[in-house]
Amino acid sequence: MQIPHLLVHDHKDNVGVVVVENLKAGTNMLCVVTHDNSSFELVAKADVPIGHKVALKDLKAGDTAIKYGEDIGKFVAGVAMGGHVHVHNLKTKRW
């Protein structure tokens, strides 16, 4: 059994969370959807630290980030599918 690189909580999500140390650009990630234990593969476009997010599709500035099936913020810069999602391209809508 292969260990997942990325966890996605819900099929509505457009970001997933890296769950391994030292994820490197070019890695063909095993992504597991925790809602139903389904899986898919996605290539990492950047080195991404554990606990940070990865875009599951191409996203543009102004798009809403969805995690746990819920709105978690707004993209302030575009990010390609497989790209690193963090404070440089995602902000809360609270302030």
Foldseek 3Di string as FASTA:
>chain_A
DDDFQWEAADPLFQKTFGADAFAAAQDFGWYAHPVVRDTDTFGAHGGEGGGWMFGQAWDAFQDFGAGNNDGAFTFRGIAHHNYTDDPVTTDHPPD
